[in-house]
Structures are given as structure tokens and as C-alpha cells.
C-alpha atoms as a PDB file:
ATOM      1  CA  MET A   1     -92.523 -84.011  82.547  1.00  0.00           C
ATOM      2  CA  PHE A   2     -95.179 -82.128  80.655  1.00  0.00           C
ATOM      3  CA  ILE A   3     -96.739 -83.734  77.520  1.00  0.00           C
ATOM      4  CA  ASP A   4     -98.783 -81.633  75.108  1.00  0.00           C
ATOM      5  CA  PRO A   5     -99.920 -83.526  72.002  1.00  0.00           C
ATOM      6  CA  ARG A   6    -102.404 -80.805  70.854  1.00  0.00           C
ATOM      7  CA  ALA A   7    -101.671 -80.043  67.260  1.00  0.00           C
ATOM      8  CA  HIS A   8    -104.107 -77.317  66.178  1.00  0.00           C
ATOM      9  CA  ASP A   9    -104.209 -74.663  68.860  1.00  0.00           C
ATOM     10  CA  ALA A  10    -103.432 -71.024  67.966  1.00  0.00           C
ATOM     11  CA  GLY A  11    -101.368 -68.485  69.823  1.00  0.00           C
ATOM     12  CA  VAL A  12     -98.784 -68.752  72.577  1.00  0.00           C
ATOM     13  CA  LYS A  13     -99.150 -71.894  74.589  1.00  0.00           C
ATOM     14  CA  VAL A  14     -99.325 -70.680  78.168  1.00  0.00           C
ATOM     15  CA  LYS A  15     -99.342 -74.221  79.565  1.00  0.00           C
ATOM     16  CA  VAL A  16     -96.094 -75.010  77.885  1.00  0.00           C
ATOM     17  CA  ILE A  17     -94.477 -71.804  79.184  1.00  0.00           C
ATOM     18  CA  GLU A  18     -95.708 -72.423  82.696  1.00  0.00           C
ATOM     19  CA  ALA A  19     -94.590 -76.123  82.651  1.00  0.00           C
ATOM     20  CA  THR A  20     -91.130 -75.019  81.582  1.00  0.00           C
ATOM     21  CA  ARG A  21     -90.950 -72.204  84.100  1.00  0.00           C
ATOM     22  CA  ASN A  22     -91.884 -74.713  86.770  1.00  0.00           C
ATOM     23  CA  GLY A  23     -89.026 -77.049  85.752  1.00  0.00           C
ATOM     24  CA  TYR A  24     -90.842 -79.661  83.718  1.00  0.00           C
ATOM     25  CA  ALA A  25     -89.246 -81.127  80.555  1.00  0.00           C
ATOM     26  CA  VAL A  26     -91.679 -80.618  77.697  1.00  0.00           C
ATOM     27  CA  VAL A  27     -92.619 -83.077  74.884  1.00  0.00           C
ATOM     28  CA  CYS A  28     -95.126 -81.430  72.541  1.00  0.00           C
ATOM     29  CA  SER A  29     -96.399 -80.952  68.983  1.00  0.00           C
ATOM     30  CA  PRO A  30     -94.566 -78.352  66.848  1.00  0.00           C
ATOM     31  CA  SER A  31     -97.480 -75.948  67.141  1.00  0.00           C
ATOM     32  CA  SER A  32     -97.217 -75.991  70.920  1.00  0.00           C
ATOM     33  CA  LEU A  33     -94.009 -74.057  70.791  1.00  0.00           C
ATOM     34  CA  HIS A  34     -95.429 -71.273  68.547  1.00  0.00           C
ATOM     35  CA  GLY A  35     -94.891 -67.828  70.042  1.00  0.00           C
ATOM     36  CA  SER A  36     -92.918 -69.013  73.024  1.00  0.00           C
ATOM     37  CA  GLY A  37     -89.384 -68.590  71.659  1.00  0.00           C
ATOM     38  CA  LEU A  38     -88.613 -72.150  72.719  1.00  0.00           C
ATOM     39  CA  ARG A  39     -86.724 -74.122  69.989  1.00  0.00           C
ATOM     40  CA  PRO A  40     -87.288 -77.809  69.277  1.00  0.00           C
ATOM     41  CA  ALA A  41     -84.461 -80.072  70.632  1.00  0.00           C
ATOM     42  CA  ALA A  42     -82.737 -77.171  72.393  1.00  0.00           C
ATOM     43  CA  HIS A  43     -85.619 -76.336  74.780  1.00  0.00           C
ATOM     44  CA  ALA A  44     -88.282 -79.010  74.353  1.00  0.00           C
ATOM     45  CA  ARG A  45     -88.781 -82.279  72.508  1.00  0.00           C
ATOM     46  CA  VAL A  46     -91.103 -82.220  69.562  1.00  0.00           C
ATOM     47  CA  ALA A  47     -93.249 -85.047  68.183  1.00  0.00           C
ATOM     48  CA  VAL A  48     -96.183 -85.526  65.859  1.00  0.00           C
ATOM     49  CA  GLU A  49     -97.089 -89.231  65.964  1.00  0.00           C
ATOM     50  CA  ALA A  50     -97.737 -91.333  69.099  1.00  0.00           C
ATOM     51  CA  ASN A  51     -94.539 -93.428  68.567  1.00  0.00           C
ATOM     52  CA  GLU A  52     -92.548 -90.203  68.261  1.00  0.00           C
ATOM     53  CA  PHE A  53     -93.928 -89.043  71.591  1.00  0.00           C
ATOM     54  CA  ALA A  54     -93.023 -92.317  73.190  1.00  0.00           C
ATOM     55  CA  SER A  55     -89.542 -92.132  71.818  1.00  0.00           C
ATOM     56  CA  GLN A  56     -88.938 -88.549  72.979  1.00  0.00           C
ATOM     57  CA  ILE A  57     -90.293 -89.410  76.436  1.00  0.00           C
ATOM     58  CA  GLU A  58     -88.048 -92.424  76.680  1.00  0.00           C
ATOM     59  CA  SER A  59     -85.060 -90.319  75.528  1.00  0.00           C
ATOM     60  CA  LEU A  60     -85.700 -87.679  78.303  1.00  0.00           C
ATOM     61  CA  ILE A  61     -86.052 -90.382  80.952  1.00  0.00           C
ATOM     62  CA  GLY A  62     -82.956 -92.168  79.812  1.00  0.00           C
ATOM     63  CA  ASN A  63     -80.767 -89.056  79.730  1.00  0.00           C
ATOM     64  CA  PRO A  64     -81.417 -87.102  82.936  1.00  0.00           C
ATOM     65  CA  ALA A  65     -78.340 -84.876  82.651  1.00  0.00           C
ATOM     66  CA  ASP A  66     -79.353 -83.748  79.149  1.00  0.00           C
ATOM     67  CA  THR A  67     -82.995 -83.279  80.312  1.00  0.00           C
ATOM     68  CA  VAL A  68     -81.881 -81.041  83.174  1.00  0.00           C
ATOM     69  CA  ARG A  69     -79.705 -78.992  80.847  1.00  0.00           C
ATOM     70  CA  MET A  70     -82.537 -78.591  78.320  1.00  0.00           C
ATOM     71  CA  VAL A  71     -84.948 -77.420  81.066  1.00  0.00           C
ATOM     72  CA  LYS A  72     -82.459 -74.976  82.558  1.00  0.00           C
ATOM     73  CA  GLU A  73     -81.706 -73.477  79.088  1.00  0.00           C
ATOM     74  CA  ALA A  74     -85.459 -73.175  78.390  1.00  0.00           C
ATOM     75  CA  GLN A  75     -86.081 -71.569  81.728  1.00  0.00           C
ATOM     76  CA  ALA A  76     -83.304 -69.006  81.108  1.00  0.00           C
ATOM     77  CA  LEU A  77     -84.740 -68.137  77.687  1.00  0.00           C
ATOM     78  CA  LEU A  78     -88.220 -67.627  79.054  1.00  0.00           C
ATOM     79  CA  GLU A  79     -86.976 -65.572  81.976  1.00  0.00           C
ATOM     80  CA  ASP A  80     -85.319 -63.251  79.514  1.00  0.00           C
ATOM     81  CA  ARG A  81     -88.152 -63.190  77.022  1.00  0.00           C
ATOM     82  CA  PHE A  82     -90.996 -62.769  79.434  1.00  0.00           C
ATOM     83  CA  ASN A  83     -89.368 -60.711  82.214  1.00  0.00           C
ATOM     84  CA  ILE A  84     -92.077 -58.297  83.417  1.00  0.00           C
ATOM     85  CA  ASP A  85     -89.608 -56.272  85.526  1.00  0.00           C
ATOM     86  CA  ARG A  86     -87.496 -55.566  82.412  1.00  0.00           C
ATOM     87  CA  TYR A  87     -90.609 -54.544  80.412  1.00  0.00           C
ATOM     88  CA  ILE A  88     -91.710 -52.168  83.209  1.00  0.00           C
ATOM     89  CA  ALA A  89     -88.211 -50.649  83.431  1.00  0.00           C
ATOM     90  CA  ASP A  90     -88.064 -50.178  79.663  1.00  0.00           C
ATOM     91  CA  ALA A  91     -91.526 -48.558  79.669  1.00  0.00           C
ATOM     92  CA  LEU A  92     -90.609 -46.184  82.471  1.00  0.00           C
ATOM     93  CA  GLU A  93     -87.385 -45.260  80.727  1.00  0.00           C
ATOM     94  CA  GLN A  94     -89.220 -44.497  77.518  1.00  0.00           C
ATOM     95  CA  LEU A  95     -91.767 -42.378  79.323  1.00  0.00           C
ATOM     96  CA  ASP A  96     -89.060 -40.492  81.134  1.00  0.00           C
ATOM     97  CA  ALA A  97     -87.185 -39.817  77.919  1.00  0.00           C
ATOM     98  CA  GLY A  98     -90.384 -38.601  76.271  1.00  0.00           C
ATOM     99  CA  TYR A  99     -91.148 -36.336  79.220  1.00  0.00           C
ATOM    100  CA  ARG A 100     -87.600 -34.862  79.068  1.00  0.00           C
ATOM    101  CA  ARG A 101     -87.832 -34.257  75.283  1.00  0.00           C
ATOM    102  CA  GLU A 102     -91.212 -32.571  75.769  1.00  0.00           C
ATOM    103  CA  ARG A 103     -89.860 -30.251  78.489  1.00  0.00           C
ATOM    104  CA  VAL A 104     -86.909 -29.250  76.283  1.00  0.00           C
ATOM    105  CA  THR A 105     -89.181 -28.247  73.391  1.00  0.00           C
ATOM    106  CA  GLN A 106     -91.460 -26.149  75.565  1.00  0.00           C
END
């Protein structure tokens, strides 16, 4: 389990993404999901106060099947969202299309 109580960081939280990709259930502040595409409850548990963190942690420990499902869904979302192979293929396709258009107009 990865716990990230930081509340005021900016940008995409690489630690949350890496923890999820490595199979850890995540309990974090709302701002820790910013920019990741992960949704509260569906892909990570969110808390603000210490007692909320404790409750979310207990819930994940007490419901292992739900925790595994949540982690797998989060991993699938991140694999789709941050798939470097797909980005490279898309970029090459766009370059190839631009090259073909340029050759036709010459």
C-alpha cells in the first residue's frame, strides 16, 4: 500500500503513478491524483484528515478483493494513458502522413 498525505504539491504525482503501476493500492490526498487520470474511489482512496486516512487504509485491508480490482483498473487506465509505444507510433504516423502530403504537393 502506498500512502501519500501531501496536500499542496503541484503537477502530476509521479510517485502515485509509479506506486500504482507497481501494484500498490493508493491512499492519498485529493491533490495527489491531479494530472494522473486516476479517479477517487475507482482507482485510489482519497482522504484529507488523519482519521479519514486511517479509515481508507482499514477499508482496503479489510476488502482484499475490492482492493485488487481497484489496483488492476488503475493500472489499466495508466497503461492506456501513459503508453509510450502508442505515443511513438502516433507520432511516426503523423510524420509519415505529413511527408506524404508534402510529396503530393511538390
